[in-house]
Every structure is written in structure tokens, then in C-alpha cells.
């Protein structure tokens, strides 16, 4: 699947789903993720799409990873909707949200989410559940607006300073390989933007393009939605902007310039916080098994530091799971959210 093959430092810890637990009826995917739901005007010129199910406080807000979408919560959101209001949203340019008018970075992502929560009438405090890049956004939001937050669940999240941490762990040679992968990724995204701008991705000749959902997601409704949004220039630009904002090669063309995910803000007090780390080893392009192991260790240490931001924080490794824990082991994510809901309600 296209979004699981973006290879750069922010999202290289990616694994294909390995389990089929908590299968969701196709109707839920089509009804909730395959068409616009609530389009909330967060600015005069822009709207964000939000899809909600269930009732009960605190509301749970799902934040997707880079190149992903609301459909990545299809095995978790319906279950949480049975005990609380559960809402997922499309970031600017994603899904059915309007394209961004500013760079897709942490500051603007946090600003958009803050505007969305208050413009939509969601009662705060809320529980944020962030995967990958969404985890970086969720952490930054909680640091900036702690009174809005009742709890946090971070699913194999990106974290502040991760590019430097991983580069220091794997050494200069491996860092140069990852930097080269960044260059290739940006070039590929530039090509996808060009194809989308000229509507060529909609042509039969591009049906097998790596800009689209190829190989196809086994869920036909998810595949249809991935292909639909991938054909839009706003989506392709949003991904490229997030990649460039998050981690990009330095001016020397070899090192990682981690200017986006620098440490922001302080601790999170006693906010209930659960961090989930994938159990499967990474398989980074061009890196040796030893270098991969060092990257894994830096990834886990970063998650330990995230958990330590709260005096009520924990980090757990989820066995037999890749980067998409919510698809590989959804029961672990559901249990973590249920635990944070219970803690918040107390």
C-alpha cells in the first residue's frame, strides 16, 4: 500500500498489518470514511471533515499518520464509539478536507485542530489518540493547550527530536543512506503532484502508478478512498509539505536536518498518557541488521521519554505489531483508550 512505503525518517518504521482481528463491516468504512461527514469551517476559506460515532464524555479524537487517513481507525473507532463519542478528522488536504493554505507543519496542524475542536462544538477536555505523525501533533497540542486534554494515547508515535536521536544511534554512514532515501521520496512526491495537477492520475495508463494505492488495500472501500484522494493535487501537496516540514536532508545533502520535530513545551503534569510501541523490528532501506537494531532502540527510548512527560504515563511494547498497531493489534489500542477513558472519568 502506497502510504506504507513512504521511506523517510518520520515514517520509516512502517510494517504491513499482520492480523485481521476486529474486522469491520464494509458499510462502516463506506459510510464513515468514504464520503464527507461534518464539514467544519475553521477559517473563512477552509473546512475540515470530521466523522463521529457514539456518545459520551470525554470525546475521543483520532489523529492519523502521514499519508494515512481516517480509515486507518476502522478497527478501533467503532469499538470506542460504543462507550464514548469517537471522532476522526481529515487534516488539511486529506480525505474530504479543503487543501491547506499554509505549510503542513506541527504549528499549523495544532492550530487547525484547536480551531476544529472549538468550531465544531466538541466539549473539552478530550482524549487525543495519535498515530505516527499524528502522535507528534497530539503531544504538541497537549503541551500548548493542556486544559483541553483529558488523556492521550500515542500509537507508535513520532516524537520531538527523533531524527537526531536515530541519526546519532545508527551513525553517519546509515544517516547518509536515510538522507538519500529522503531525496528519493521528495522526488517521487514531486512527480505525484505533477500527475495530480494535470489529472493524469485519473487516466487508465496510470492505474498501476505508485502514486496510487498499489498494491491495492484488501478492503475495496479503503482502496477506493485511497485512490480517490491520491488523485487530488491537494492531498499530494499535503504529504509533500508534511515530509518537508518534518524531516529533510540537510544542506550538505547527507545529514538529517531535524528542524521540525525539535523539543517544544514541557511536561504534561498528571494527564493520563499511554504510549504503545510496535513489537516488530524495523527493516529500513539500505541499513544492516545491526543498524536497524540501533534505530529500534532509539525509537523505544524516544517513546520512554514521551511516557515520562506525564507522572501518569506508561509505555508498552505491543507484540506482533508493525507501525500500524491499530490495524495489526487493534485490541491493544482499544484497551489503552478504554483505560485512559476510565482514568479521565475518575
Protein backbone atom coordinates (compact mmCIF):
# COMPACT_ATOMS: atom_id res chain seq x y z
CA UNK A 1 0.00 0.00 0.00
CA UNK A 2 1.36 3.34 -1.11
CA UNK A 3 1.20 5.20 2.22
CA UNK A 4 3.05 2.39 3.96
CA UNK A 5 6.01 2.68 1.61
CA UNK A 6 6.98 6.31 2.20
CA UNK A 7 10.56 5.87 3.36
CA UNK A 8 11.89 8.79 5.31
CA UNK A 9 12.92 9.22 8.92
CA UNK A 10 9.49 10.30 10.20
CA UNK A 11 7.65 7.28 8.79
CA UNK A 12 10.23 4.61 8.09
CA UNK A 13 9.05 2.47 10.98
CA UNK A 14 6.30 1.02 8.85
CA UNK A 15 5.10 -2.57 8.73
CA UNK A 16 2.31 -4.28 6.86
CA UNK A 17 -0.65 -5.30 9.04
CA UNK A 18 -0.30 -8.91 10.14
CA UNK A 19 -3.63 -9.70 11.82
CA UNK A 20 -7.25 -9.50 10.81
CA UNK A 21 -8.82 -9.05 14.25
CA UNK A 22 -11.83 -6.79 14.79
CA UNK A 23 -12.94 -6.91 11.15
CA UNK A 24 -15.27 -4.03 10.34
CA UNK A 25 -18.38 -4.36 8.13
CA UNK A 26 -17.77 -2.70 4.75
CA UNK A 27 -20.74 -0.45 5.36
CA UNK A 28 -18.95 1.31 8.25
CA UNK A 29 -15.93 2.11 6.08
CA UNK A 30 -18.07 3.34 3.20
CA UNK A 31 -20.49 5.30 5.40
CA UNK A 32 -17.94 6.96 7.69
CA UNK A 33 -14.76 7.30 5.64
CA UNK A 34 -15.84 7.10 2.01
CA UNK A 35 -17.85 10.31 1.85
CA UNK A 36 -17.91 13.75 3.53
CA UNK A 37 -19.40 13.81 7.02
CA UNK A 38 -19.36 17.04 9.06
CA UNK A 39 -17.50 19.81 7.21
CA UNK A 40 -16.42 22.30 9.88
CA UNK A 41 -15.39 25.81 8.84
CA UNK A 42 -12.20 26.52 10.80
CA UNK A 43 -11.32 29.56 8.71
CA UNK A 44 -13.38 31.59 6.25
CA UNK A 45 -11.69 29.86 3.35
CA UNK A 46 -11.18 26.36 4.76
CA UNK A 47 -13.15 23.43 6.16
CA UNK A 48 -12.04 20.21 7.82
CA UNK A 49 -14.01 16.98 7.54
CA UNK A 50 -14.81 15.14 10.78
CA UNK A 51 -16.61 11.83 11.22
CA UNK A 52 -18.03 10.85 14.60
CA UNK A 53 -19.85 7.90 16.12
CA UNK A 54 -21.24 7.14 19.56
CA UNK A 55 -21.90 9.36 22.55
CA UNK A 56 -20.50 10.03 25.99
CA UNK A 57 -17.72 12.09 27.51
CA UNK A 58 -14.88 12.60 27.16
CA UNK A 59 -14.86 12.73 23.37
CA UNK A 60 -12.03 10.75 21.76
CA UNK A 61 -10.27 12.42 18.81
CA UNK A 62 -8.22 10.28 16.40
CA UNK A 63 -5.20 11.78 14.59
CA UNK A 64 -3.85 9.81 11.61
CA UNK A 65 -0.25 9.42 10.46
CA UNK A 66 1.49 10.94 7.46
CA UNK A 67 -0.04 9.76 4.19
CA UNK A 68 -2.72 7.85 6.10
CA UNK A 69 -6.33 8.72 6.80
CA UNK A 70 -9.39 8.30 8.98
CA UNK A 71 -9.87 4.80 7.54
CA UNK A 72 -6.81 3.62 9.48
CA UNK A 73 -9.01 3.78 12.61
CA UNK A 74 -11.66 1.45 11.17
CA UNK A 75 -10.85 -1.38 13.61
CA UNK A 76 -10.79 0.92 16.65
CA UNK A 77 -13.24 3.82 16.24
CA UNK A 78 -16.43 1.67 16.10
CA UNK A 79 -15.48 -0.09 19.35
CA UNK A 80 -14.72 3.18 21.15
CA UNK A 81 -17.98 4.63 19.82
CA UNK A 82 -19.83 2.11 21.99
CA UNK A 83 -18.58 3.76 25.19
CA UNK A 84 -17.85 7.40 24.20
CA UNK A 85 -18.14 9.84 21.35
CA UNK A 86 -15.37 8.91 18.91
CA UNK A 87 -14.31 11.32 16.16
CA UNK A 88 -11.67 11.11 13.44
CA UNK A 89 -10.82 14.01 11.13
CA UNK A 90 -9.03 14.67 7.86
CA UNK A 91 -6.13 17.11 8.09
CA UNK A 92 -5.97 19.88 5.51
CA UNK A 93 -5.71 18.36 2.02
CA UNK A 94 -6.56 14.86 3.26
CA UNK A 95 -9.79 12.99 2.64
CA UNK A 96 -12.61 15.49 2.21
CA UNK A 97 -10.97 18.46 3.94
CA UNK A 98 -10.08 21.56 1.96
CA UNK A 99 -6.45 21.97 0.86
CA UNK A 100 -4.02 23.75 3.16
CA UNK A 101 -3.16 27.39 2.61
CA UNK A 102 -0.11 27.24 4.88
CA UNK A 103 2.78 24.77 5.36
CA UNK A 104 1.68 21.44 6.82
CA UNK A 105 3.83 21.57 9.94
CA UNK A 106 3.28 21.00 13.66
CA UNK A 107 2.34 24.60 14.44
CA UNK A 108 -0.32 24.80 11.73
CA UNK A 109 -1.53 21.27 12.47
CA UNK A 110 -2.06 22.16 16.14
CA UNK A 111 -3.73 25.45 15.18
CA UNK A 112 -6.13 23.65 12.82
CA UNK A 113 -7.05 21.04 15.44
CA UNK A 114 -7.67 23.73 18.06
CA UNK A 115 -9.93 25.61 15.65
CA UNK A 116 -11.72 22.38 14.70
CA UNK A 117 -12.50 21.37 18.28
CA UNK A 118 -13.92 24.76 19.17
CA UNK A 119 -15.73 25.45 15.88
CA UNK A 120 -17.38 22.02 15.92
CA UNK A 121 -18.69 22.46 19.45
CA UNK A 122 -16.80 19.46 20.84
CA UNK A 123 -16.84 19.63 24.62
CA UNK A 124 -13.37 19.76 26.08
CA UNK A 125 -11.38 18.25 27.66
CA UNK A 126 -10.93 15.48 25.08
CA UNK A 127 -8.77 12.39 24.71
CA UNK A 128 -6.33 12.54 21.80
CA UNK A 129 -5.29 9.29 20.08
CA UNK A 130 -2.42 9.93 17.66
CA UNK A 131 -0.63 7.53 15.34
CA UNK A 132 2.85 8.22 13.93
CA UNK A 133 2.95 11.89 12.82
CA UNK A 134 -0.45 12.29 14.48
CA UNK A 135 1.28 11.38 17.74
CA UNK A 136 3.72 14.26 17.31
CA UNK A 137 0.79 16.61 16.70
CA UNK A 138 -1.14 15.23 19.69
CA UNK A 139 1.81 15.72 22.04
CA UNK A 140 2.42 19.27 20.82
CA UNK A 141 -1.29 20.07 21.19
CA UNK A 142 -1.37 18.81 24.78
CA UNK A 143 1.71 20.86 25.63
CA UNK A 144 0.16 24.00 24.15
CA UNK A 145 -3.44 23.50 25.33
CA UNK A 146 -3.28 21.27 28.44
CA UNK A 147 -6.71 22.38 29.69
CA UNK A 148 -8.25 20.89 26.52
CA UNK A 149 -6.86 17.42 27.29
CA UNK A 150 -8.35 14.67 29.48
CA UNK A 151 -5.93 11.98 28.31
CA UNK A 152 -3.64 10.84 25.49
CA UNK A 153 -2.91 7.56 23.69
CA UNK A 154 0.07 7.58 21.33
CA UNK A 155 0.27 4.73 18.81
CA UNK A 156 3.87 4.12 17.68
CA UNK A 157 4.22 7.90 17.58
CA UNK A 158 6.72 10.24 16.04
CA UNK A 159 8.40 12.32 18.73
CA UNK A 160 10.33 15.53 19.14
CA UNK A 161 14.00 15.20 18.19
CA UNK A 162 13.62 11.72 16.74
CA UNK A 163 15.64 12.32 13.58
CA UNK A 164 18.67 13.41 15.56
CA UNK A 165 18.22 10.59 18.05
CA UNK A 166 18.09 7.97 15.31
CA UNK A 167 20.95 9.55 13.36
CA UNK A 168 23.12 9.54 16.48
CA UNK A 169 22.23 5.91 17.13
CA UNK A 170 22.91 4.50 13.67
CA UNK A 171 25.97 6.60 12.81
CA UNK A 172 26.94 8.82 9.86
CA UNK A 173 27.00 6.16 7.14
CA UNK A 174 23.48 4.93 7.89
CA UNK A 175 22.29 8.53 8.27
CA UNK A 176 23.58 9.29 4.78
CA UNK A 177 21.57 6.34 3.43
CA UNK A 178 18.42 7.60 5.11
CA UNK A 179 19.09 11.11 3.81
CA UNK A 180 19.40 9.70 0.29
CA UNK A 181 16.05 7.97 0.81
CA UNK A 182 14.56 11.34 1.76
CA UNK A 183 15.76 12.80 -1.54
CA UNK A 184 14.18 9.95 -3.47
CA UNK A 185 10.92 10.32 -1.54
CA UNK A 186 10.65 14.03 -2.27
CA UNK A 187 11.38 13.46 -5.97
CA UNK A 188 8.67 10.79 -6.09
CA UNK A 189 6.19 13.11 -4.38
CA UNK A 190 7.01 15.92 -6.81
CA UNK A 191 6.17 13.55 -9.65
CA UNK A 192 2.87 12.59 -7.97
CA UNK A 193 1.95 16.26 -7.53
CA UNK A 194 2.62 16.91 -11.21
CA UNK A 195 0.50 13.93 -12.27
CA UNK A 196 -2.35 15.00 -9.97
CA UNK A 197 -2.25 18.64 -11.09
CA UNK A 198 -2.66 17.59 -14.70
CA UNK A 199 -5.34 14.97 -13.84
CA UNK A 200 -3.17 12.25 -15.34
CA UNK A 201 -3.52 10.04 -12.25
CA UNK A 202 -7.15 9.56 -13.26
CA UNK A 203 -6.13 8.09 -16.64
CA UNK A 204 -6.19 4.29 -17.19
CA UNK A 205 -2.49 4.45 -18.14
CA UNK A 206 -1.64 5.44 -14.55
CA UNK A 207 -3.83 2.81 -12.87
CA UNK A 208 -0.72 0.97 -11.58
CA UNK A 209 1.10 4.16 -10.56
CA UNK A 210 2.96 4.06 -7.26
CA UNK A 211 1.29 7.40 -6.52
CA UNK A 212 -1.95 5.46 -6.04
CA UNK A 213 -2.93 2.65 -3.68
CA UNK A 214 -0.78 -0.05 -5.27
CA UNK A 215 -0.79 -2.85 -4.35
CA UNK A 216 -4.44 -2.38 -3.54
CA UNK A 217 -5.69 -2.45 0.04
CA UNK A 218 -7.62 -5.71 0.51
CA UNK A 219 -10.65 -3.74 1.70
CA UNK A 220 -12.28 -2.46 -1.52
CA UNK A 221 -13.85 0.53 0.26
CA UNK A 222 -10.50 1.61 1.71
CA UNK A 223 -8.81 1.06 -1.65
CA UNK A 224 -11.43 3.20 -3.38
CA UNK A 225 -10.94 6.05 -0.91
CA UNK A 226 -7.11 5.87 -1.04
CA UNK A 227 -7.19 6.10 -4.82
CA UNK A 228 -9.75 8.89 -4.81
CA UNK A 229 -7.76 11.19 -2.55
CA UNK A 230 -4.40 10.26 -4.09
CA UNK A 231 -5.64 11.63 -7.42
CA UNK A 232 -6.11 15.10 -5.91
CA UNK A 233 -3.30 17.64 -6.00
CA UNK A 234 -4.25 18.94 -2.55
CA UNK A 235 -3.55 15.54 -1.00
CA UNK A 236 -0.23 15.08 -2.77
CA UNK A 237 0.87 18.59 -1.79
CA UNK A 238 -0.16 17.97 1.83
CA UNK A 239 2.00 14.86 2.04
CA UNK A 240 4.98 16.59 0.48
CA UNK A 241 4.61 19.55 2.80
CA UNK A 242 4.45 17.28 5.85
CA UNK A 243 7.52 15.38 4.70
CA UNK A 244 9.50 18.55 4.09
CA UNK A 245 8.40 20.10 7.39
CA UNK A 246 9.15 17.02 9.43
CA UNK A 247 12.49 15.61 8.29
CA UNK A 248 14.53 16.60 5.30
CA UNK A 249 18.14 16.22 4.26
CA UNK A 250 20.48 18.91 5.47
CA UNK A 251 22.16 21.44 3.25
CA UNK A 252 25.10 19.08 2.76
CA UNK A 253 22.79 16.51 1.17
CA UNK A 254 23.80 13.80 3.63
CA UNK A 255 22.76 14.58 7.19
CA UNK A 256 19.27 14.89 8.65
CA UNK A 257 18.02 18.41 9.40
CA UNK A 258 15.53 17.85 12.21
CA UNK A 259 14.21 21.41 12.33
CA UNK A 260 10.51 20.45 12.60
CA UNK A 261 10.40 17.97 15.45
CA UNK A 262 12.54 19.93 17.88
CA UNK A 263 11.53 19.72 21.51
CA UNK A 264 8.57 22.02 22.20
CA UNK A 265 6.96 22.76 25.54
CA UNK A 266 7.39 20.96 28.82
CA UNK A 267 5.77 18.19 30.77
CA UNK A 268 2.13 17.13 30.81
CA UNK A 269 1.52 17.08 34.55
CA UNK A 270 -0.56 14.07 35.58
CA UNK A 271 -2.57 13.73 32.33
CA UNK A 272 -3.33 10.02 31.72
CA UNK A 273 -0.92 9.01 28.95
CA UNK A 274 -0.32 5.65 27.26
CA UNK A 275 2.38 5.15 24.64
CA UNK A 276 2.27 2.00 22.51
CA UNK A 277 5.40 0.84 20.66
CA UNK A 278 5.40 -1.68 17.80
CA UNK A 279 6.85 -5.06 18.67
CA UNK A 280 8.21 -5.97 15.24
CA UNK A 281 11.72 -4.98 14.21
CA UNK A 282 12.20 -2.29 11.61
CA UNK A 283 13.58 -3.05 8.18
CA UNK A 284 14.98 0.24 6.99
CA UNK A 285 16.14 0.56 3.37
CA UNK A 286 19.89 0.14 2.98
CA UNK A 287 20.59 -0.44 6.68
CA UNK A 288 22.23 -3.50 8.17
CA UNK A 289 20.57 -5.64 10.84
CA UNK A 290 22.86 -4.06 13.45
CA UNK A 291 21.94 -0.53 12.32
CA UNK A 292 18.25 -1.47 12.33
CA UNK A 293 18.58 -2.71 15.91
CA UNK A 294 20.18 0.58 16.95
CA UNK A 295 17.36 2.52 15.29
CA UNK A 296 14.82 0.34 17.09
CA UNK A 297 16.48 1.10 20.43
CA UNK A 298 16.42 4.86 19.74
CA UNK A 299 12.76 4.60 18.75
CA UNK A 300 11.88 2.81 22.01
CA UNK A 301 13.93 5.25 24.10
CA UNK A 302 12.09 8.15 22.47
CA UNK A 303 8.78 6.56 23.45
CA UNK A 304 10.00 6.11 27.01
CA UNK A 305 10.76 9.83 27.12
CA UNK A 306 7.28 10.59 25.81
CA UNK A 307 5.69 8.47 28.56
CA UNK A 308 7.81 10.32 31.14
CA UNK A 309 6.21 13.64 30.14
CA UNK A 310 3.34 12.73 32.48
CA UNK A 311 3.53 11.44 36.03
CA UNK A 312 0.65 9.21 34.94
CA UNK A 313 2.37 7.96 31.77
CA UNK A 314 3.27 4.43 30.65
CA UNK A 315 4.89 2.85 27.61
CA UNK A 316 4.17 -0.69 26.45
CA UNK A 317 5.54 -2.73 23.57
CA UNK A 318 2.79 -4.49 21.58
CA UNK A 319 3.97 -7.91 20.34
CA UNK A 320 3.39 -8.96 16.73
CA UNK A 321 2.68 -5.45 15.54
CA UNK A 322 4.23 -3.23 12.94
CA UNK A 323 3.97 0.54 12.74
CA UNK A 324 0.17 0.35 12.26
CA UNK A 325 -0.66 -1.15 15.64
CA UNK A 326 -4.29 -0.08 15.25
CA UNK A 327 -4.56 -2.44 12.26
CA UNK A 328 -2.21 -5.22 13.41
CA UNK A 329 -3.35 -5.42 17.04
CA UNK A 330 -6.45 -3.20 17.37
CA UNK A 331 -7.45 -4.81 20.67
CA UNK A 332 -4.30 -3.35 22.29
CA UNK A 333 -5.20 0.16 21.12
CA UNK A 334 -8.83 -0.25 22.18
CA UNK A 335 -7.76 -1.43 25.64
CA UNK A 336 -5.37 1.53 26.03
CA UNK A 337 -8.10 4.01 25.09
CA UNK A 338 -10.59 2.34 27.43
CA UNK A 339 -8.05 2.60 30.25
CA UNK A 340 -7.47 6.31 29.61
CA UNK A 341 -11.24 6.96 29.36
CA UNK A 342 -11.77 5.25 32.72
CA UNK A 343 -8.94 7.24 34.28
CA UNK A 344 -10.24 10.51 32.85
CA UNK A 345 -13.76 9.83 34.12
CA UNK A 346 -12.45 9.19 37.62
